[in-house]
Amino acid sequence: MFTSFMPLALQEARAAALRGEVPVGAVITRGPQVLSQAGNRTRELSDPTAHAEILAIRAACAALGRDRLEGCAIWVTLEPCAMCAQAIAHARLARLLFGAADPKSGGVLQGARVFAHAQTHHRPEVHDGLDADACAAVLRDFFAARR
């Protein structure tokens, strides 16, 4: 039976929007267990690397007490950028499931296509388009309110 954790990632994205952050959320699971969840905090932490994916990876590694997340999945509301895609590879996450495509800054199926490079030692199984409309709507609403 397939259980989607995208609703939790969307919850994190909406919380990020309320903090004035670009609304991206990420959740890391191992089977049915949620290991971590996070939303963007780049402005709050004055840290350009504080993307939802990076924060979720750090928290999941801390929870497991190790630097690799083999057998785990990461659920993200937006296609990861090149930095986050490389972090996903370094963490050895087994699966990446994301919602909205990011033609401007995506690093998985667009742009840098990090997992397609020979230098990338680990390539997760990638599933895109999960709850894509809801994920895109959170971003669209956030940026429309800023214009």
N, C-alpha and C. Protein backbone atom coordinates (compact mmCIF):
# COMPACT_ATOMS: atom_id res chain seq x y z
N MET A 1 0.84 -1.19 0.00
CA MET A 1 0.00 0.00 0.00
C MET A 1 0.89 1.25 0.00
N PHE A 2 0.57 2.19 -0.87
CA PHE A 2 1.33 3.43 -1.01
C PHE A 2 0.75 4.51 -0.10
N THR A 3 1.60 5.08 0.73
CA THR A 3 1.21 6.20 1.57
C THR A 3 2.01 7.41 1.14
N SER A 4 1.33 8.49 0.81
CA SER A 4 2.03 9.71 0.41
C SER A 4 2.29 10.58 1.63
N PHE A 5 3.50 11.07 1.72
CA PHE A 5 3.86 12.00 2.78
C PHE A 5 3.91 13.43 2.26
N MET A 6 3.42 13.62 1.02
CA MET A 6 3.40 14.97 0.45
C MET A 6 2.52 15.93 1.26
N PRO A 7 1.41 15.48 1.87
CA PRO A 7 0.65 16.42 2.70
C PRO A 7 1.48 17.02 3.84
N LEU A 8 2.38 16.24 4.42
CA LEU A 8 3.27 16.79 5.46
C LEU A 8 4.26 17.79 4.87
N ALA A 9 4.77 17.49 3.69
CA ALA A 9 5.70 18.41 3.02
C ALA A 9 4.97 19.71 2.68
N LEU A 10 3.73 19.60 2.24
CA LEU A 10 2.93 20.81 1.94
C LEU A 10 2.68 21.62 3.21
N GLN A 11 2.46 20.94 4.31
CA GLN A 11 2.28 21.63 5.60
C GLN A 11 3.54 22.43 5.94
N GLU A 12 4.71 21.83 5.72
CA GLU A 12 5.98 22.53 5.98
C GLU A 12 6.15 23.71 5.02
N ALA A 13 5.74 23.55 3.76
CA ALA A 13 5.84 24.63 2.78
C ALA A 13 4.95 25.81 3.20
N ARG A 14 3.74 25.51 3.64
CA ARG A 14 2.83 26.58 4.07
C ARG A 14 3.36 27.29 5.30
N ALA A 15 3.95 26.56 6.22
CA ALA A 15 4.55 27.18 7.41
C ALA A 15 5.72 28.08 7.01
N ALA A 16 6.50 27.65 6.03
CA ALA A 16 7.61 28.48 5.53
C ALA A 16 7.07 29.78 4.96
N ALA A 17 5.98 29.70 4.20
CA ALA A 17 5.38 30.90 3.61
C ALA A 17 4.96 31.88 4.71
N LEU A 18 4.39 31.37 5.79
CA LEU A 18 3.98 32.23 6.90
C LEU A 18 5.17 32.93 7.56
N ARG A 19 6.35 32.32 7.45
CA ARG A 19 7.58 32.93 7.99
C ARG A 19 8.23 33.87 6.98
N GLY A 20 7.62 34.00 5.79
CA GLY A 20 8.18 34.85 4.75
C GLY A 20 9.26 34.18 3.93
N GLU A 21 9.36 32.87 4.06
CA GLU A 21 10.34 32.08 3.30
C GLU A 21 9.70 31.57 2.02
N VAL A 22 10.50 31.30 0.99
CA VAL A 22 9.97 30.65 -0.20
C VAL A 22 9.37 29.32 0.26
N PRO A 23 8.10 29.07 -0.07
CA PRO A 23 7.39 27.92 0.50
C PRO A 23 7.75 26.57 -0.12
N VAL A 24 8.80 25.98 0.42
CA VAL A 24 9.21 24.64 0.03
C VAL A 24 9.28 23.81 1.30
N GLY A 25 8.73 22.61 1.24
CA GLY A 25 8.76 21.71 2.38
C GLY A 25 9.34 20.37 1.99
N ALA A 26 9.95 19.70 2.97
CA ALA A 26 10.55 18.38 2.74
C ALA A 26 10.30 17.48 3.93
N VAL A 27 10.14 16.20 3.65
CA VAL A 27 9.93 15.18 4.68
C VAL A 27 10.80 13.99 4.31
N ILE A 28 11.46 13.41 5.32
CA ILE A 28 12.26 12.20 5.08
C ILE A 28 11.63 11.06 5.86
N THR A 29 11.42 9.96 5.15
CA THR A 29 10.80 8.79 5.75
C THR A 29 11.66 7.55 5.57
N ARG A 30 11.45 6.62 6.48
CA ARG A 30 12.01 5.27 6.35
C ARG A 30 10.84 4.33 6.55
N GLY A 31 10.37 3.77 5.44
CA GLY A 31 9.13 3.00 5.49
C GLY A 31 8.00 3.93 5.90
N PRO A 32 7.19 3.53 6.89
CA PRO A 32 6.09 4.38 7.32
C PRO A 32 6.49 5.43 8.36
N GLN A 33 7.75 5.41 8.78
CA GLN A 33 8.22 6.30 9.84
C GLN A 33 8.74 7.63 9.29
N VAL A 34 8.26 8.73 9.85
CA VAL A 34 8.77 10.05 9.50
C VAL A 34 10.00 10.30 10.37
N LEU A 35 11.14 10.51 9.71
CA LEU A 35 12.39 10.79 10.43
C LEU A 35 12.57 12.28 10.67
N SER A 36 12.15 13.09 9.69
CA SER A 36 12.32 14.54 9.82
C SER A 36 11.41 15.25 8.85
N GLN A 37 11.17 16.50 9.13
CA GLN A 37 10.43 17.36 8.22
C GLN A 37 10.90 18.78 8.45
N ALA A 38 10.93 19.56 7.36
CA ALA A 38 11.45 20.92 7.45
C ALA A 38 10.90 21.76 6.30
N GLY A 39 10.94 23.05 6.52
CA GLY A 39 10.62 24.01 5.48
C GLY A 39 11.80 24.95 5.33
N ASN A 40 11.82 25.69 4.25
CA ASN A 40 12.91 26.64 4.02
C ASN A 40 13.07 27.59 5.20
N ARG A 41 14.33 27.91 5.54
CA ARG A 41 14.64 28.85 6.63
C ARG A 41 15.86 29.71 6.27
N THR A 42 16.05 29.98 4.97
CA THR A 42 17.24 30.72 4.55
C THR A 42 17.28 32.12 5.14
N ARG A 43 16.16 32.81 5.15
CA ARG A 43 16.12 34.18 5.67
C ARG A 43 16.20 34.19 7.19
N GLU A 44 15.42 33.31 7.80
CA GLU A 44 15.39 33.24 9.26
C GLU A 44 16.78 32.95 9.84
N LEU A 45 17.51 32.05 9.21
CA LEU A 45 18.83 31.64 9.71
C LEU A 45 19.98 32.40 9.06
N SER A 46 19.66 33.29 8.12
CA SER A 46 20.70 34.00 7.35
C SER A 46 21.70 32.99 6.78
N ASP A 47 21.15 31.97 6.16
CA ASP A 47 21.96 30.85 5.67
C ASP A 47 21.44 30.42 4.30
N PRO A 48 22.17 30.70 3.24
CA PRO A 48 21.70 30.33 1.91
C PRO A 48 21.59 28.83 1.69
N THR A 49 22.16 28.02 2.57
CA THR A 49 22.06 26.57 2.44
C THR A 49 20.89 26.00 3.25
N ALA A 50 20.13 26.81 3.92
CA ALA A 50 19.04 26.33 4.79
C ALA A 50 17.77 26.04 3.99
N HIS A 51 17.94 25.30 2.90
CA HIS A 51 16.79 24.84 2.13
C HIS A 51 16.11 23.71 2.90
N ALA A 52 14.84 23.49 2.62
CA ALA A 52 14.07 22.46 3.31
C ALA A 52 14.76 21.09 3.23
N GLU A 53 15.26 20.75 2.05
CA GLU A 53 15.89 19.44 1.86
C GLU A 53 17.12 19.28 2.75
N ILE A 54 17.97 20.30 2.78
CA ILE A 54 19.20 20.24 3.58
C ILE A 54 18.87 20.12 5.06
N LEU A 55 17.91 20.93 5.53
CA LEU A 55 17.52 20.87 6.94
C LEU A 55 16.93 19.51 7.30
N ALA A 56 16.11 18.96 6.40
CA ALA A 56 15.52 17.64 6.66
C ALA A 56 16.59 16.55 6.66
N ILE A 57 17.56 16.64 5.75
CA ILE A 57 18.65 15.66 5.72
C ILE A 57 19.46 15.73 7.02
N ARG A 58 19.80 16.93 7.45
CA ARG A 58 20.57 17.08 8.70
C ARG A 58 19.82 16.47 9.88
N ALA A 59 18.52 16.76 9.96
CA ALA A 59 17.73 16.26 11.10
C ALA A 59 17.58 14.74 11.04
N ALA A 60 17.38 14.17 9.85
CA ALA A 60 17.24 12.72 9.73
C ALA A 60 18.55 12.02 10.08
N CYS A 61 19.66 12.58 9.62
CA CYS A 61 20.98 12.00 9.97
C CYS A 61 21.20 12.04 11.47
N ALA A 62 20.84 13.15 12.10
CA ALA A 62 20.98 13.28 13.55
C ALA A 62 20.08 12.26 14.26
N ALA A 63 18.86 12.10 13.77
CA ALA A 63 17.93 11.16 14.40
C ALA A 63 18.44 9.72 14.33
N LEU A 64 19.09 9.39 13.22
CA LEU A 64 19.62 8.03 13.04
C LEU A 64 21.05 7.88 13.56
N GLY A 65 21.71 9.00 13.81
CA GLY A 65 23.08 8.94 14.29
C GLY A 65 24.07 8.46 13.25
N ARG A 66 23.80 8.81 12.00
CA ARG A 66 24.72 8.41 10.93
C ARG A 66 24.63 9.41 9.77
N ASP A 67 25.61 9.33 8.87
CA ASP A 67 25.68 10.31 7.77
C ASP A 67 25.05 9.81 6.47
N ARG A 68 24.53 8.63 6.46
CA ARG A 68 23.91 8.08 5.26
C ARG A 68 22.46 7.72 5.57
N LEU A 69 21.61 7.91 4.57
CA LEU A 69 20.19 7.65 4.74
C LEU A 69 19.71 6.58 3.76
N GLU A 70 20.50 5.51 3.64
CA GLU A 70 20.14 4.41 2.75
C GLU A 70 18.77 3.86 3.15
N GLY A 71 17.97 3.53 2.14
CA GLY A 71 16.66 2.97 2.40
C GLY A 71 15.60 4.01 2.74
N CYS A 72 15.97 5.27 2.75
CA CYS A 72 15.03 6.34 3.11
C CYS A 72 14.57 7.08 1.85
N ALA A 73 13.46 7.78 2.01
CA ALA A 73 12.90 8.57 0.91
C ALA A 73 12.78 10.02 1.35
N ILE A 74 12.93 10.93 0.41
CA ILE A 74 12.71 12.35 0.67
C ILE A 74 11.56 12.82 -0.22
N TRP A 75 10.62 13.49 0.40
CA TRP A 75 9.43 14.03 -0.26
C TRP A 75 9.59 15.54 -0.26
N VAL A 76 9.55 16.17 -1.42
CA VAL A 76 9.78 17.62 -1.51
C VAL A 76 8.69 18.23 -2.39
N THR A 77 8.22 19.41 -2.00
CA THR A 77 7.14 20.05 -2.74
C THR A 77 7.60 20.62 -4.08
N LEU A 78 8.89 20.92 -4.22
CA LEU A 78 9.43 21.51 -5.43
C LEU A 78 10.67 20.74 -5.87
N GLU A 79 10.84 20.59 -7.15
CA GLU A 79 12.05 19.93 -7.67
C GLU A 79 13.29 20.52 -7.01
N PRO A 80 14.14 19.70 -6.42
CA PRO A 80 15.33 20.22 -5.75
C PRO A 80 16.28 20.95 -6.70
N CYS A 81 16.93 21.98 -6.16
CA CYS A 81 17.97 22.70 -6.90
C CYS A 81 19.21 21.80 -6.98
N ALA A 82 20.22 22.24 -7.69
CA ALA A 82 21.44 21.45 -7.85
C ALA A 82 22.12 21.18 -6.51
N MET A 83 22.15 22.17 -5.61
CA MET A 83 22.78 21.98 -4.30
C MET A 83 22.06 20.87 -3.53
N CYS A 84 20.75 20.93 -3.51
CA CYS A 84 19.97 19.95 -2.76
C CYS A 84 20.03 18.57 -3.42
N ALA A 85 20.02 18.53 -4.74
CA ALA A 85 20.14 17.25 -5.44
C ALA A 85 21.47 16.58 -5.09
N GLN A 86 22.53 17.35 -5.03
CA GLN A 86 23.83 16.78 -4.68
C GLN A 86 23.84 16.30 -3.23
N ALA A 87 23.19 17.05 -2.34
CA ALA A 87 23.09 16.62 -0.94
C ALA A 87 22.30 15.31 -0.84
N ILE A 88 21.25 15.19 -1.63
CA ILE A 88 20.45 13.96 -1.66
C ILE A 88 21.32 12.79 -2.11
N ALA A 89 22.15 13.02 -3.11
CA ALA A 89 23.07 11.97 -3.58
C ALA A 89 24.09 11.62 -2.49
N HIS A 90 24.69 12.64 -1.86
CA HIS A 90 25.69 12.38 -0.82
C HIS A 90 25.09 11.65 0.37
N ALA A 91 23.84 11.94 0.69
CA ALA A 91 23.18 11.27 1.82
C ALA A 91 22.73 9.86 1.46
N ARG A 92 22.84 9.51 0.18
CA ARG A 92 22.47 8.17 -0.31
C ARG A 92 20.99 7.85 -0.09
N LEU A 93 20.15 8.88 -0.22
CA LEU A 93 18.71 8.64 -0.13
C LEU A 93 18.28 7.72 -1.27
N ALA A 94 17.44 6.76 -0.97
CA ALA A 94 17.03 5.77 -1.98
C ALA A 94 16.04 6.34 -2.98
N ARG A 95 15.13 7.21 -2.50
CA ARG A 95 14.09 7.74 -3.37
C ARG A 95 13.90 9.22 -3.17
N LEU A 96 13.64 9.91 -4.26
CA LEU A 96 13.26 11.32 -4.26
C LEU A 96 11.89 11.40 -4.90
N LEU A 97 10.93 11.95 -4.16
CA LEU A 97 9.58 12.15 -4.67
C LEU A 97 9.28 13.62 -4.55
N PHE A 98 8.99 14.28 -5.67
CA PHE A 98 8.71 15.71 -5.59
C PHE A 98 7.46 16.09 -6.33
N GLY A 99 6.94 17.27 -5.99
CA GLY A 99 5.69 17.75 -6.55
C GLY A 99 5.87 18.56 -7.81
N ALA A 100 6.05 19.86 -7.65
CA ALA A 100 6.11 20.78 -8.78
C ALA A 100 7.49 20.76 -9.44
N ALA A 101 7.50 20.85 -10.76
CA ALA A 101 8.75 21.00 -11.50
C ALA A 101 9.24 22.43 -11.32
N ASP A 102 10.55 22.62 -11.45
CA ASP A 102 11.12 23.97 -11.33
C ASP A 102 11.98 24.27 -12.55
N PRO A 103 11.34 24.78 -13.62
CA PRO A 103 12.08 25.07 -14.86
C PRO A 103 13.18 26.11 -14.67
N LYS A 104 13.05 26.98 -13.69
CA LYS A 104 14.02 28.05 -13.48
C LYS A 104 15.25 27.59 -12.69
N SER A 105 15.05 26.84 -11.62
CA SER A 105 16.16 26.50 -10.72
C SER A 105 16.28 25.02 -10.41
N GLY A 106 15.47 24.19 -11.03
CA GLY A 106 15.53 22.76 -10.75
C GLY A 106 16.87 22.16 -11.13
N GLY A 107 17.28 21.15 -10.40
CA GLY A 107 18.56 20.51 -10.66
C GLY A 107 18.46 19.02 -10.91
N VAL A 108 17.23 18.51 -11.07
CA VAL A 108 17.04 17.08 -11.23
C VAL A 108 16.63 16.74 -12.67
N LEU A 109 15.47 17.21 -13.07
CA LEU A 109 14.99 16.96 -14.44
C LEU A 109 15.22 18.15 -15.35
N GLN A 110 15.58 19.29 -14.77
CA GLN A 110 15.83 20.53 -15.51
C GLN A 110 17.26 20.98 -15.22
N GLY A 111 17.67 22.02 -15.85
CA GLY A 111 18.94 22.67 -15.51
C GLY A 111 20.11 21.73 -15.41
N ALA A 112 20.72 21.69 -14.23
CA ALA A 112 21.97 20.95 -14.01
C ALA A 112 21.83 19.44 -14.16
N ARG A 113 20.65 18.91 -13.95
CA ARG A 113 20.41 17.45 -14.03
C ARG A 113 21.52 16.68 -13.31
N VAL A 114 21.66 16.96 -12.05
CA VAL A 114 22.75 16.43 -11.22
C VAL A 114 22.89 14.92 -11.31
N PHE A 115 21.78 14.21 -11.27
CA PHE A 115 21.87 12.74 -11.24
C PHE A 115 22.31 12.14 -12.57
N ALA A 116 22.34 12.93 -13.63
CA ALA A 116 22.75 12.44 -14.95
C ALA A 116 24.26 12.48 -15.14
N HIS A 117 24.98 13.14 -14.23
CA HIS A 117 26.42 13.30 -14.39
C HIS A 117 27.19 12.07 -13.89
N ALA A 118 28.21 11.71 -14.61
CA ALA A 118 29.05 10.57 -14.22
C ALA A 118 29.70 10.77 -12.86
N GLN A 119 29.92 12.03 -12.47
CA GLN A 119 30.56 12.33 -11.19
C GLN A 119 29.63 12.10 -10.00
N THR A 120 28.34 11.93 -10.26
CA THR A 120 27.40 11.67 -9.18
C THR A 120 27.46 10.19 -8.85
N HIS A 121 27.94 9.89 -7.65
CA HIS A 121 28.18 8.50 -7.25
C HIS A 121 26.92 7.74 -6.88
N HIS A 122 25.87 8.46 -6.51
CA HIS A 122 24.62 7.79 -6.13
C HIS A 122 23.46 8.49 -6.82
N ARG A 123 22.58 7.71 -7.36
CA ARG A 123 21.39 8.25 -8.03
C ARG A 123 20.15 7.65 -7.39
N PRO A 124 19.33 8.48 -6.76
CA PRO A 124 18.11 7.94 -6.17
C PRO A 124 17.08 7.63 -7.26
N GLU A 125 16.13 6.82 -6.90
CA GLU A 125 14.96 6.60 -7.75
C GLU A 125 14.15 7.90 -7.68
N VAL A 126 13.77 8.45 -8.82
CA VAL A 126 13.08 9.75 -8.86
C VAL A 126 11.64 9.57 -9.34
N HIS A 127 10.73 10.17 -8.58
CA HIS A 127 9.31 10.21 -8.93
C HIS A 127 8.86 11.66 -8.86
N ASP A 128 8.38 12.19 -9.97
CA ASP A 128 7.97 13.59 -9.99
C ASP A 128 6.47 13.72 -10.20
N GLY A 129 5.96 14.91 -9.94
CA GLY A 129 4.56 15.21 -10.20
C GLY A 129 3.59 14.82 -9.11
N LEU A 130 4.06 14.42 -7.93
CA LEU A 130 3.15 14.05 -6.85
C LEU A 130 2.47 15.30 -6.28
N ASP A 131 1.17 15.35 -6.31
CA ASP A 131 0.40 16.52 -5.84
C ASP A 131 0.95 17.80 -6.47
N ALA A 132 1.36 17.71 -7.72
CA ALA A 132 2.01 18.84 -8.40
C ALA A 132 1.15 20.10 -8.40
N ASP A 133 -0.14 19.96 -8.61
CA ASP A 133 -1.01 21.15 -8.65
C ASP A 133 -1.04 21.86 -7.31
N ALA A 134 -1.18 21.10 -6.22
CA ALA A 134 -1.20 21.69 -4.88
C ALA A 134 0.15 22.32 -4.55
N CYS A 135 1.22 21.65 -4.91
CA CYS A 135 2.57 22.17 -4.64
C CYS A 135 2.81 23.47 -5.42
N ALA A 136 2.42 23.49 -6.68
CA ALA A 136 2.59 24.69 -7.51
C ALA A 136 1.73 25.83 -7.00
N ALA A 137 0.53 25.51 -6.52
CA ALA A 137 -0.39 26.55 -6.03
C ALA A 137 0.18 27.28 -4.82
N VAL A 138 0.84 26.55 -3.92
CA VAL A 138 1.44 27.18 -2.74
C VAL A 138 2.48 28.22 -3.18
N LEU A 139 3.30 27.85 -4.15
CA LEU A 139 4.32 28.76 -4.66
C LEU A 139 3.70 29.93 -5.41
N ARG A 140 2.76 29.63 -6.27
CA ARG A 140 2.10 30.68 -7.07
C ARG A 140 1.42 31.71 -6.16
N ASP A 141 0.70 31.23 -5.15
CA ASP A 141 0.00 32.14 -4.22
C ASP A 141 1.00 33.00 -3.44
N PHE A 142 2.10 32.39 -3.03
CA PHE A 142 3.12 33.12 -2.26
C PHE A 142 3.69 34.27 -3.10
N PHE A 143 4.09 33.96 -4.32
CA PHE A 143 4.71 35.00 -5.16
C PHE A 143 3.69 36.02 -5.66
N ALA A 144 2.45 35.61 -5.88
CA ALA A 144 1.40 36.57 -6.29
C ALA A 144 1.16 37.58 -5.18
N ALA A 145 1.20 37.15 -3.94
CA ALA A 145 1.00 38.06 -2.81
C ALA A 145 2.15 39.05 -2.65
N ARG A 146 3.31 38.71 -3.16
CA ARG A 146 4.51 39.56 -3.04
C ARG A 146 4.58 40.60 -4.15
N ARG A 147 3.80 40.41 -5.24
CA ARG A 147 3.89 41.32 -6.39
C ARG A 147 2.96 42.48 -6.24
